[in-house]
Amino acid sequence: MSEDSLRQLDLTQIGEGRYKAVNGRGGVLPIGSGDDPDFTPVELLLAALAGCTAIDVGLITGKRAQPDSFDVHVEGHKVRDDDGSHLVDLQVTLAVRFPEGEAGDRAREVLPRSIQQSADRLCTVGRTLQLGTAIDYREV
């Protein structure tokens, strides 16, 4: 794989059941176990799915008109079964409102297609969840 395709971050413990993720641009994100206000890893996965979809759809529709409101709700059920712990029944719901007028009409017209494009090919997070991929766990 090329250096251009590499995405990475580092995670460091900052307390009992608390960690901080740091990306290469200096962004910091606290992560917790659910006993504090920090996002849990599962919530971050849901946020990543919502954010990825929102960015895709926003870029496509935003070429026509900026929305008056743009909200995304994402949910799934965490289960433990023979396959271990995982999420099932993931659902992403977008509520996007555009201004009245020709530009808003054009944005409304492409909204369903932009959501489908995000789901079918653009959203890296969603596509990875749908396709699955091997994870190589290592100790150093």
Foldseek 3Di string as FASTA:
>chain_A
DDPVPDFDWDWDDDDVQKIWIAGPVGDIAIEGDPPDPGHHPVSVLQVLQQVLLQVQLCVVLVVLFHWPDKDKDWDWDWDQDPVGTDTPDIDIDIDTHHDDDDSRVVSVVCNVVSSVCSQPPRRPSNVCVVVPDDDDDDDD
